[in-house]
C-alpha atoms as a PDB file:
ATOM      1  CA  MET A   1      83.665  63.258  62.482  1.00  0.00           C
ATOM      2  CA  GLN A   2      84.241  61.114  65.648  1.00  0.00           C
ATOM      3  CA  LEU A   3      84.134  57.607  64.611  1.00  0.00           C
ATOM      4  CA  ASP A   4      83.907  54.351  66.715  1.00  0.00           C
ATOM      5  CA  LEU A   5      86.184  52.229  65.168  1.00  0.00           C
ATOM      6  CA  ASN A   6      84.727  49.205  67.070  1.00  0.00           C
ATOM      7  CA  LEU A   7      81.982  49.546  64.535  1.00  0.00           C
ATOM      8  CA  LEU A   8      84.251  48.228  61.779  1.00  0.00           C
ATOM      9  CA  THR A   9      84.850  44.941  63.689  1.00  0.00           C
ATOM     10  CA  VAL A  10      81.171  44.604  64.292  1.00  0.00           C
ATOM     11  CA  LEU A  11      80.287  45.147  60.606  1.00  0.00           C
ATOM     12  CA  ASP A  12      82.940  42.567  59.323  1.00  0.00           C
ATOM     13  CA  ALA A  13      81.394  40.321  61.673  1.00  0.00           C
ATOM     14  CA  LEU A  14      78.131  40.865  60.462  1.00  0.00           C
ATOM     15  CA  LEU A  15      79.093  40.496  56.688  1.00  0.00           C
ATOM     16  CA  GLU A  16      80.890  37.233  57.503  1.00  0.00           C
ATOM     17  CA  GLU A  17      78.275  35.653  59.412  1.00  0.00           C
ATOM     18  CA  GLY A  18      75.211  37.079  57.716  1.00  0.00           C
ATOM     19  CA  SER A  19      73.089  37.325  61.224  1.00  0.00           C
ATOM     20  CA  VAL A  20      73.170  39.351  64.469  1.00  0.00           C
ATOM     21  CA  LEU A  21      73.075  36.171  66.399  1.00  0.00           C
ATOM     22  CA  GLY A  22      76.344  34.878  64.449  1.00  0.00           C
ATOM     23  CA  ALA A  23      78.376  37.999  64.558  1.00  0.00           C
ATOM     24  CA  ALA A  24      76.937  38.280  68.450  1.00  0.00           C
ATOM     25  CA  ASP A  25      78.742  34.866  69.112  1.00  0.00           C
ATOM     26  CA  ARG A  26      81.917  35.678  66.948  1.00  0.00           C
ATOM     27  CA  LEU A  27      82.484  38.756  68.939  1.00  0.00           C
ATOM     28  CA  ARG A  28      81.198  37.295  72.622  1.00  0.00           C
ATOM     29  CA  LEU A  29      78.678  40.312  72.662  1.00  0.00           C
ATOM     30  CA  SER A  30      75.167  39.967  73.277  1.00  0.00           C
ATOM     31  CA  SER A  31      72.629  39.951  70.312  1.00  0.00           C
ATOM     32  CA  PRO A  32      71.114  43.251  71.764  1.00  0.00           C
ATOM     33  CA  ALA A  33      74.336  44.880  71.771  1.00  0.00           C
ATOM     34  CA  VAL A  34      75.196  44.012  68.179  1.00  0.00           C
ATOM     35  CA  SER A  35      71.710  45.047  67.312  1.00  0.00           C
ATOM     36  CA  ARG A  36      72.353  48.642  68.704  1.00  0.00           C
ATOM     37  CA  SER A  37      75.677  48.579  67.086  1.00  0.00           C
ATOM     38  CA  LEU A  38      73.929  47.593  63.335  1.00  0.00           C
ATOM     39  CA  GLY A  39      71.809  50.395  64.153  1.00  0.00           C
ATOM     40  CA  ARG A  40      74.765  53.062  64.757  1.00  0.00           C
ATOM     41  CA  ILE A  41      76.437  51.699  61.031  1.00  0.00           C
ATOM     42  CA  ARG A  42      72.963  52.249  59.252  1.00  0.00           C
ATOM     43  CA  ARG A  43      72.385  55.701  60.633  1.00  0.00           C
ATOM     44  CA  LEU A  44      76.295  56.304  59.645  1.00  0.00           C
ATOM     45  CA  THR A  45      76.276  54.695  56.507  1.00  0.00           C
ATOM     46  CA  GLY A  46      72.775  55.284  55.277  1.00  0.00           C
ATOM     47  CA  ASP A  47      72.295  51.930  54.538  1.00  0.00           C
ATOM     48  CA  ASP A  48      70.335  48.627  55.965  1.00  0.00           C
ATOM     49  CA  ILE A  49      73.533  46.560  55.497  1.00  0.00           C
ATOM     50  CA  LEU A  50      71.541  43.598  56.094  1.00  0.00           C
ATOM     51  CA  VAL A  51      67.634  42.989  55.506  1.00  0.00           C
ATOM     52  CA  ARG A  52      65.201  40.117  55.957  1.00  0.00           C
ATOM     53  CA  THR A  53      64.553  37.837  52.989  1.00  0.00           C
ATOM     54  CA  GLY A  54      62.588  34.905  54.676  1.00  0.00           C
ATOM     55  CA  ARG A  55      64.478  33.582  57.721  1.00  0.00           C
ATOM     56  CA  THR A  56      67.544  34.724  56.551  1.00  0.00           C
ATOM     57  CA  MET A  57      69.133  38.296  56.134  1.00  0.00           C
ATOM     58  CA  THR A  58      71.063  39.577  53.021  1.00  0.00           C
ATOM     59  CA  PRO A  59      73.603  41.966  52.570  1.00  0.00           C
ATOM     60  CA  THR A  60      72.886  45.191  50.464  1.00  0.00           C
ATOM     61  CA  PRO A  61      74.637  46.040  47.083  1.00  0.00           C
ATOM     62  CA  TYR A  62      76.610  48.261  49.602  1.00  0.00           C
ATOM     63  CA  ALA A  63      77.547  45.700  52.218  1.00  0.00           C
ATOM     64  CA  LEU A  64      78.764  43.358  49.418  1.00  0.00           C
ATOM     65  CA  ALA A  65      80.753  46.034  47.882  1.00  0.00           C
ATOM     66  CA  VAL A  66      82.475  47.168  51.171  1.00  0.00           C
ATOM     67  CA  ARG A  67      82.796  43.550  52.497  1.00  0.00           C
ATOM     68  CA  GLU A  68      86.370  43.155  51.306  1.00  0.00           C
ATOM     69  CA  GLN A  69      87.477  46.635  52.352  1.00  0.00           C
ATOM     70  CA  VAL A  70      86.128  46.328  55.614  1.00  0.00           C
ATOM     71  CA  GLY A  71      87.731  43.101  56.426  1.00  0.00           C
ATOM     72  CA  ASP A  72      91.318  44.236  54.992  1.00  0.00           C
ATOM     73  CA  LEU A  73      90.744  47.380  57.394  1.00  0.00           C
ATOM     74  CA  VAL A  74      90.264  45.006  60.425  1.00  0.00           C
ATOM     75  CA  ARG A  75      92.985  42.965  59.617  1.00  0.00           C
ATOM     76  CA  GLN A  76      95.138  46.143  59.116  1.00  0.00           C
ATOM     77  CA  ALA A  77      94.151  47.308  62.508  1.00  0.00           C
ATOM     78  CA  ARG A  78      94.771  43.937  64.022  1.00  0.00           C
ATOM     79  CA  SER A  79      98.327  43.855  62.729  1.00  0.00           C
ATOM     80  CA  VAL A  80      99.129  47.315  64.322  1.00  0.00           C
ATOM     81  CA  LEU A  81      97.599  46.447  67.829  1.00  0.00           C
ATOM     82  CA  VAL A  82      98.664  42.826  68.012  1.00  0.00           C
ATOM     83  CA  PRO A  83     101.984  43.056  65.752  1.00  0.00           C
ATOM     84  CA  ASN A  84     103.364  39.634  64.715  1.00  0.00           C
ATOM     85  CA  ARG A  85     106.944  39.123  66.615  1.00  0.00           C
ATOM     86  CA  GLU A  86     108.168  36.144  64.633  1.00  0.00           C
ATOM     87  CA  LEU A  87     111.469  37.163  62.755  1.00  0.00           C
ATOM     88  CA  ASP A  88     112.192  35.708  59.202  1.00  0.00           C
ATOM     89  CA  LEU A  89     116.017  36.426  59.308  1.00  0.00           C
ATOM     90  CA  ALA A  90     115.955  35.280  55.235  1.00  0.00           C
ATOM     91  CA  GLU A  91     113.646  38.285  54.434  1.00  0.00           C
ATOM     92  CA  LEU A  92     114.943  40.937  57.352  1.00  0.00           C
ATOM     93  CA  ASP A  93     116.005  43.891  55.324  1.00  0.00           C
ATOM     94  CA  ARG A  94     117.627  46.217  57.887  1.00  0.00           C
ATOM     95  CA  THR A  95     120.698  48.401  58.704  1.00  0.00           C
ATOM     96  CA  PHE A  96     121.969  48.204  62.319  1.00  0.00           C
ATOM     97  CA  THR A  97     124.454  50.967  63.582  1.00  0.00           C
ATOM     98  CA  LEU A  98     126.793  49.699  66.583  1.00  0.00           C
ATOM     99  CA  GLN A  99     129.070  51.839  68.382  1.00  0.00           C
ATOM    100  CA  CYS A 100     132.148  50.924  70.405  1.00  0.00           C
ATOM    101  CA  HIS A 101     135.864  51.125  71.245  1.00  0.00           C
ATOM    102  CA  ASP A 102     137.959  50.560  67.838  1.00  0.00           C
ATOM    103  CA  ALA A 103     139.747  47.497  69.957  1.00  0.00           C
ATOM    104  CA  LEU A 104     136.296  46.094  70.755  1.00  0.00           C
ATOM    105  CA  THR A 105     135.207  46.212  66.940  1.00  0.00           C
ATOM    106  CA  THR A 106     138.315  44.111  66.037  1.00  0.00           C
ATOM    107  CA  ALA A 107     136.851  41.309  68.827  1.00  0.00           C
ATOM    108  CA  LEU A 108     133.406  41.454  67.624  1.00  0.00           C
ATOM    109  CA  ALA A 109     133.023  42.628  64.028  1.00  0.00           C
ATOM    110  CA  PRO A 110     134.522  39.651  62.137  1.00  0.00           C
ATOM    111  CA  THR A 111     132.535  36.785  64.055  1.00  0.00           C
ATOM    112  CA  LEU A 112     129.167  38.888  64.013  1.00  0.00           C
ATOM    113  CA  LEU A 113     129.504  39.803  60.350  1.00  0.00           C
ATOM    114  CA  SER A 114     130.094  36.300  59.376  1.00  0.00           C
ATOM    115  CA  SER A 115     127.292  35.001  61.249  1.00  0.00           C
ATOM    116  CA  ILE A 116     124.686  37.699  59.967  1.00  0.00           C
ATOM    117  CA  ALA A 117     126.341  37.110  56.243  1.00  0.00           C
ATOM    118  CA  GLU A 118     124.981  33.225  56.885  1.00  0.00           C
ATOM    119  CA  LEU A 119     121.775  33.738  58.892  1.00  0.00           C
ATOM    120  CA  ALA A 120     120.184  37.081  57.558  1.00  0.00           C
ATOM    121  CA  PRO A 121     121.749  38.086  54.192  1.00  0.00           C
ATOM    122  CA  GLY A 122     119.621  41.397  54.092  1.00  0.00           C
ATOM    123  CA  VAL A 123     120.992  42.633  57.185  1.00  0.00           C
ATOM    124  CA  ARG A 124     124.085  45.519  57.155  1.00  0.00           C
ATOM    125  CA  LEU A 125     126.337  46.361  60.160  1.00  0.00           C
ATOM    126  CA  ARG A 126     127.756  49.791  60.571  1.00  0.00           C
ATOM    127  CA  PHE A 127     130.429  49.987  63.355  1.00  0.00           C
ATOM    128  CA  LEU A 128     131.266  53.549  64.739  1.00  0.00           C
ATOM    129  CA  ALA A 129     134.038  54.776  66.911  1.00  0.00           C
ATOM    130  CA  GLU A 130     133.336  56.046  70.225  1.00  0.00           C
ATOM    131  CA  PRO A 131     132.671  60.104  69.929  1.00  0.00           C
ATOM    132  CA  ALA A 132     134.957  62.479  71.796  1.00  0.00           C
ATOM    133  CA  SER A 133     132.526  63.749  73.489  1.00  0.00           C
ATOM    134  CA  ASP A 134     128.933  62.361  74.685  1.00  0.00           C
ATOM    135  CA  THR A 135     125.936  62.522  72.208  1.00  0.00           C
ATOM    136  CA  ASP A 136     122.587  62.001  71.997  1.00  0.00           C
ATOM    137  CA  ASP A 137     122.608  59.289  68.977  1.00  0.00           C
ATOM    138  CA  LEU A 138     121.284  56.549  71.166  1.00  0.00           C
ATOM    139  CA  ARG A 139     118.210  58.729  72.461  1.00  0.00           C
ATOM    140  CA  HIS A 140     117.230  59.686  68.846  1.00  0.00           C
ATOM    141  CA  GLY A 141     117.986  56.298  66.958  1.00  0.00           C
ATOM    142  CA  ARG A 142     121.278  57.188  64.941  1.00  0.00           C
ATOM    143  CA  ILE A 143     122.750  54.181  66.993  1.00  0.00           C
ATOM    144  CA  ASP A 144     121.037  50.918  67.633  1.00  0.00           C
ATOM    145  CA  LEU A 145     123.494  49.550  70.051  1.00  0.00           C
ATOM    146  CA  ALA A 146     126.269  50.935  72.241  1.00  0.00           C
ATOM    147  CA  ILE A 147     128.732  48.502  73.791  1.00  0.00           C
ATOM    148  CA  GLY A 148     131.317  49.845  76.330  1.00  0.00           C
ATOM    149  CA  SER A 149     132.304  50.093  79.840  1.00  0.00           C
ATOM    150  CA  SER A 150     129.669  52.223  81.325  1.00  0.00           C
ATOM    151  CA  ALA A 151     125.609  52.690  80.622  1.00  0.00           C
ATOM    152  CA  PRO A 152     123.378  55.498  80.364  1.00  0.00           C
ATOM    153  CA  ASP A 153     121.937  55.944  83.975  1.00  0.00           C
ATOM    154  CA  GLN A 154     118.452  57.832  82.460  1.00  0.00           C
ATOM    155  CA  PRO A 155     115.397  55.381  82.696  1.00  0.00           C
ATOM    156  CA  GLU A 156     114.628  55.524  78.796  1.00  0.00           C
ATOM    157  CA  PHE A 157     117.665  53.255  78.478  1.00  0.00           C
ATOM    158  CA  ARG A 158     118.302  49.446  78.879  1.00  0.00           C
ATOM    159  CA  SER A 159     121.519  47.826  79.841  1.00  0.00           C
ATOM    160  CA  GLU A 160     122.837  44.402  79.957  1.00  0.00           C
ATOM    161  CA  THR A 161     126.247  43.536  81.402  1.00  0.00           C
ATOM    162  CA  LEU A 162     127.961  40.896  79.378  1.00  0.00           C
ATOM    163  CA  GLY A 163     130.829  40.324  81.895  1.00  0.00           C
ATOM    164  CA  HIS A 164     133.794  41.831  83.322  1.00  0.00           C
ATOM    165  CA  ASP A 165     137.144  41.879  81.415  1.00  0.00           C
ATOM    166  CA  ARG A 166     140.788  41.465  83.414  1.00  0.00           C
ATOM    167  CA  VAL A 167     143.237  44.474  83.119  1.00  0.00           C
ATOM    168  CA  VAL A 168     146.531  43.524  81.645  1.00  0.00           C
ATOM    169  CA  VAL A 169     149.888  45.029  80.269  1.00  0.00           C
ATOM    170  CA  ILE A 170     150.825  44.681  76.549  1.00  0.00           C
ATOM    171  CA  LEU A 171     154.296  44.571  75.694  1.00  0.00           C
ATOM    172  CA  ARG A 172     156.412  43.487  72.669  1.00  0.00           C
ATOM    173  CA  GLN A 173     158.114  40.150  72.397  1.00  0.00           C
ATOM    174  CA  GLY A 174     161.613  40.394  73.671  1.00  0.00           C
ATOM    175  CA  HIS A 175     160.663  43.062  76.005  1.00  0.00           C
ATOM    176  CA  PRO A 176     163.515  43.645  78.707  1.00  0.00           C
ATOM    177  CA  CYS A 177     160.762  43.376  81.170  1.00  0.00           C
ATOM    178  CA  ALA A 178     159.144  40.415  79.928  1.00  0.00           C
ATOM    179  CA  GLY A 179     158.321  37.919  82.410  1.00  0.00           C
ATOM    180  CA  ALA A 180     159.561  39.874  85.202  1.00  0.00           C
ATOM    181  CA  LEU A 181     157.171  42.741  85.258  1.00  0.00           C
ATOM    182  CA  ASP A 182     156.709  43.672  88.988  1.00  0.00           C
ATOM    183  CA  LEU A 183     155.382  46.728  90.399  1.00  0.00           C
ATOM    184  CA  ALA A 184     158.337  48.869  90.217  1.00  0.00           C
ATOM    185  CA  ALA A 185     159.339  47.794  86.773  1.00  0.00           C
ATOM    186  CA  TYR A 186     155.913  48.428  85.425  1.00  0.00           C
ATOM    187  CA  ALA A 187     155.866  52.010  86.819  1.00  0.00           C
ATOM    188  CA  ALA A 188     159.405  52.831  85.434  1.00  0.00           C
ATOM    189  CA  GLN A 189     158.353  51.507  81.700  1.00  0.00           C
ATOM    190  CA  PRO A 190     157.340  54.288  78.996  1.00  0.00           C
ATOM    191  CA  HIS A 191     153.491  54.242  79.061  1.00  0.00           C
ATOM    192  CA  VAL A 192     151.162  54.848  75.732  1.00  0.00           C
ATOM    193  CA  LEU A 193     147.585  55.342  76.421  1.00  0.00           C
ATOM    194  CA  VAL A 194     144.753  55.436  74.220  1.00  0.00           C
ATOM    195  CA  SER A 195     142.176  58.047  74.894  1.00  0.00           C
ATOM    196  CA  ARG A 196     139.297  59.653  72.797  1.00  0.00           C
ATOM    197  CA  ARG A 197     139.786  62.690  74.427  1.00  0.00           C
ATOM    198  CA  GLY A 198     143.694  62.808  74.492  1.00  0.00           C
ATOM    199  CA  ARG A 199     144.235  62.299  78.170  1.00  0.00           C
ATOM    200  CA  LEU A 200     147.663  61.663  79.577  1.00  0.00           C
ATOM    201  CA  ALA A 201     146.222  59.923  82.647  1.00  0.00           C
ATOM    202  CA  ASP A 202     143.840  57.724  83.955  1.00  0.00           C
ATOM    203  CA  PRO A 203     142.820  55.672  87.160  1.00  0.00           C
ATOM    204  CA  VAL A 204     145.775  53.764  87.071  1.00  0.00           C
ATOM    205  CA  ASP A 205     147.866  56.641  87.804  1.00  0.00           C
ATOM    206  CA  ASP A 206     145.806  57.288  90.942  1.00  0.00           C
ATOM    207  CA  LEU A 207     146.395  53.646  92.181  1.00  0.00           C
ATOM    208  CA  LEU A 208     150.022  54.045  91.449  1.00  0.00           C
ATOM    209  CA  ALA A 209     150.288  56.941  93.404  1.00  0.00           C
ATOM    210  CA  THR A 210     148.937  55.196  96.567  1.00  0.00           C
ATOM    211  CA  HIS A 211     151.808  53.229  96.386  1.00  0.00           C
ATOM    212  CA  GLY A 212     153.898  56.355  96.049  1.00  0.00           C
ATOM    213  CA  LEU A 213     154.649  55.597  92.710  1.00  0.00           C
ATOM    214  CA  THR A 214     154.273  57.671  88.922  1.00  0.00           C
ATOM    215  CA  ARG A 215     154.731  56.446  85.679  1.00  0.00           C
ATOM    216  CA  ARG A 216     156.001  57.971  82.732  1.00  0.00           C
ATOM    217  CA  VAL A 217     153.472  58.405  79.947  1.00  0.00           C
ATOM    218  CA  LEU A 218     154.847  59.113  76.313  1.00  0.00           C
ATOM    219  CA  GLY A 219     151.722  59.998  74.862  1.00  0.00           C
ATOM    220  CA  SER A 220     148.115  59.115  74.061  1.00  0.00           C
ATOM    221  CA  VAL A 221     146.710  58.035  70.932  1.00  0.00           C
ATOM    222  CA  SER A 222     142.914  57.672  69.965  1.00  0.00           C
ATOM    223  CA  THR A 223     142.831  54.612  68.050  1.00  0.00           C
ATOM    224  CA  ALA A 224     143.915  51.044  69.177  1.00  0.00           C
ATOM    225  CA  ALA A 225     145.814  50.060  65.678  1.00  0.00           C
ATOM    226  CA  SER A 226     148.306  53.126  66.574  1.00  0.00           C
ATOM    227  CA  ALA A 227     148.839  51.867  70.067  1.00  0.00           C
ATOM    228  CA  MET A 228     149.480  48.710  69.172  1.00  0.00           C
ATOM    229  CA  LEU A 229     152.292  49.755  66.223  1.00  0.00           C
ATOM    230  CA  ILE A 230     153.727  51.808  68.749  1.00  0.00           C
ATOM    231  CA  VAL A 231     154.195  48.976  71.483  1.00  0.00           C
ATOM    232  CA  SER A 232     155.380  46.628  68.606  1.00  0.00           C
ATOM    233  CA  ARG A 233     158.269  49.059  67.488  1.00  0.00           C
ATOM    234  CA  GLY A 234     159.466  49.876  71.113  1.00  0.00           C
ATOM    235  CA  ASP A 235     159.555  49.498  74.689  1.00  0.00           C
ATOM    236  CA  ALA A 236     156.449  51.330  75.413  1.00  0.00           C
ATOM    237  CA  VAL A 237     153.861  49.191  77.399  1.00  0.00           C
ATOM    238  CA  LEU A 238     150.026  49.629  77.008  1.00  0.00           C
ATOM    239  CA  THR A 239     147.321  48.606  79.951  1.00  0.00           C
ATOM    240  CA  VAL A 240     144.347  47.702  78.286  1.00  0.00           C
ATOM    241  CA  PRO A 241     141.445  45.218  79.131  1.00  0.00           C
ATOM    242  CA  GLU A 242     142.521  41.528  77.861  1.00  0.00           C
ATOM    243  CA  ALA A 243     139.411  40.086  76.098  1.00  0.00           C
ATOM    244  CA  THR A 244     138.705  43.058  74.497  1.00  0.00           C
ATOM    245  CA  TRP A 245     142.277  43.485  73.260  1.00  0.00           C
ATOM    246  CA  ARG A 246     143.418  39.770  72.198  1.00  0.00           C
ATOM    247  CA  PRO A 247     142.720  39.740  68.730  1.00  0.00           C
ATOM    248  CA  LEU A 248     145.193  42.633  68.020  1.00  0.00           C
ATOM    249  CA  VAL A 249     147.598  41.430  70.512  1.00  0.00           C
ATOM    250  CA  GLU A 250     147.585  37.927  68.365  1.00  0.00           C
ATOM    251  CA  THR A 251     147.650  40.115  65.007  1.00  0.00           C
ATOM    252  CA  PHE A 252     150.842  42.298  66.003  1.00  0.00           C
ATOM    253  CA  GLY A 253     152.707  39.327  67.602  1.00  0.00           C
ATOM    254  CA  LEU A 254     152.396  40.945  70.991  1.00  0.00           C
ATOM    255  CA  ARG A 255     152.532  39.286  74.370  1.00  0.00           C
ATOM    256  CA  THR A 256     150.491  40.081  77.567  1.00  0.00           C
ATOM    257  CA  GLU A 257     151.567  40.311  81.356  1.00  0.00           C
ATOM    258  CA  PRO A 258     149.668  40.363  84.485  1.00  0.00           C
ATOM    259  CA  LEU A 259     149.117  43.865  85.759  1.00  0.00           C
ATOM    260  CA  PRO A 260     151.189  44.143  88.973  1.00  0.00           C
ATOM    261  CA  LEU A 261     148.250  46.224  90.621  1.00  0.00           C
ATOM    262  CA  PRO A 262     144.793  45.116  91.761  1.00  0.00           C
ATOM    263  CA  VAL A 263     142.679  47.351  89.603  1.00  0.00           C
ATOM    264  CA  PRO A 264     138.744  46.514  89.359  1.00  0.00           C
ATOM    265  CA  SER A 265     137.676  44.658  86.444  1.00  0.00           C
ATOM    266  CA  PRO A 266     135.810  46.802  83.431  1.00  0.00           C
ATOM    267  CA  PRO A 267     132.336  45.613  82.679  1.00  0.00           C
ATOM    268  CA  MET A 268     131.484  45.181  79.113  1.00  0.00           C
ATOM    269  CA  ILE A 269     127.972  46.509  78.786  1.00  0.00           C
ATOM    270  CA  CYS A 270     125.419  46.726  75.859  1.00  0.00           C
ATOM    271  CA  SER A 271     123.053  49.620  75.910  1.00  0.00           C
ATOM    272  CA  TRP A 272     120.222  50.525  73.457  1.00  0.00           C
ATOM    273  CA  HIS A 273     117.058  52.632  73.849  1.00  0.00           C
ATOM    274  CA  GLN A 274     113.853  51.264  75.154  1.00  0.00           C
ATOM    275  CA  ARG A 275     111.828  51.656  72.159  1.00  0.00           C
ATOM    276  CA  TYR A 276     113.819  48.355  70.936  1.00  0.00           C
ATOM    277  CA  ASP A 277     112.847  46.501  73.723  1.00  0.00           C
ATOM    278  CA  THR A 278     109.963  44.455  72.058  1.00  0.00           C
ATOM    279  CA  ASP A 279     111.756  44.807  68.462  1.00  0.00           C
ATOM    280  CA  ALA A 280     112.211  41.305  67.275  1.00  0.00           C
ATOM    281  CA  ALA A 281     115.096  42.272  64.821  1.00  0.00           C
ATOM    282  CA  HIS A 282     117.166  44.478  67.438  1.00  0.00           C
ATOM    283  CA  THR A 283     116.623  41.338  70.080  1.00  0.00           C
ATOM    284  CA  TRP A 284     118.258  38.965  67.551  1.00  0.00           C
ATOM    285  CA  LEU A 285     121.066  41.213  67.148  1.00  0.00           C
ATOM    286  CA  ARG A 286     121.576  41.794  70.718  1.00  0.00           C
ATOM    287  CA  ALA A 287     121.489  37.936  71.336  1.00  0.00           C
ATOM    288  CA  ARG A 288     124.335  37.629  68.713  1.00  0.00           C
ATOM    289  CA  VAL A 289     126.534  39.987  70.268  1.00  0.00           C
ATOM    290  CA  ARG A 290     125.944  38.582  73.553  1.00  0.00           C
ATOM    291  CA  ALA A 291     126.718  34.888  72.342  1.00  0.00           C
ATOM    292  CA  ILE A 292     129.972  36.430  70.513  1.00  0.00           C
ATOM    293  CA  LEU A 293     131.130  38.474  73.755  1.00  0.00           C
ATOM    294  CA  SER A 294     130.094  36.582  76.629  1.00  0.00           C
ATOM    295  CA  PRO A 295     132.095  33.504  76.485  1.00  0.00           C
ATOM    296  CA  THR A 296     135.367  35.864  76.320  1.00  0.00           C
ATOM    297  CA  VAL A 297     134.791  37.861  79.714  1.00  0.00           C
ATOM    298  CA  ALA A 298     133.953  36.562  83.145  1.00  0.00           C
ATOM    299  CA  SER A 299     130.247  36.815  84.564  1.00  0.00           C
END
């Protein structure tokens, strides 16, 4: 059975206005168009809906019985097709999952969690580490927001570049090369890398090679905390984006030196699926992340 759901809108107007003319004015339709719709409603329901009593129209018992239900159906349909975009943070009950490097989590999580606890106490956040291999988590909604230095290139994803970080060298206080880290001294140091895939080389090695230099990589670790502990207890150095790692540098009492090698400034990019473009809660979350991270990186 195929139903024209526009008939519900006409029926609601007829029951509210009590006349074809009033319903036509309300719906901005002609009286003949509303009369034709009333005829179709009568045929579908087997009921007259409105009957003439003198100069007015009176709803039938059936019409009175379904009037409230019809009104509810029309309001529900309107809320689906024209959703309310206003966001009540105090009533928001939702869990968001963010995925980023664990060093970036230390830069973002404390401030973001504190802000959300104050503004939207019903919201929970899950921070997941970057996986060792690419996944479809963002596509399938298992991840709400991914933050990193690259963005998916498929048209179904959206991305926003928050800024660009500066690459620096982290070393311990009292390191023999502190304050005197030229290119030759940098290459001569023992190095530790952070890699989710266990790589023992990165683009820095390619740039050093153009200067006829190589560096000695002691090893790679998968977490930021492990790398910082290694640097804090020896002469190994770590080459990383400055703003992302600043909280860890301060926590471990380390220092940074300018990288004596020109390298591109890595971007800081937020990515999400297009399904969340008009989602008010997701838009609010992205704004909070932007407000926290954008001031830490150059535009």
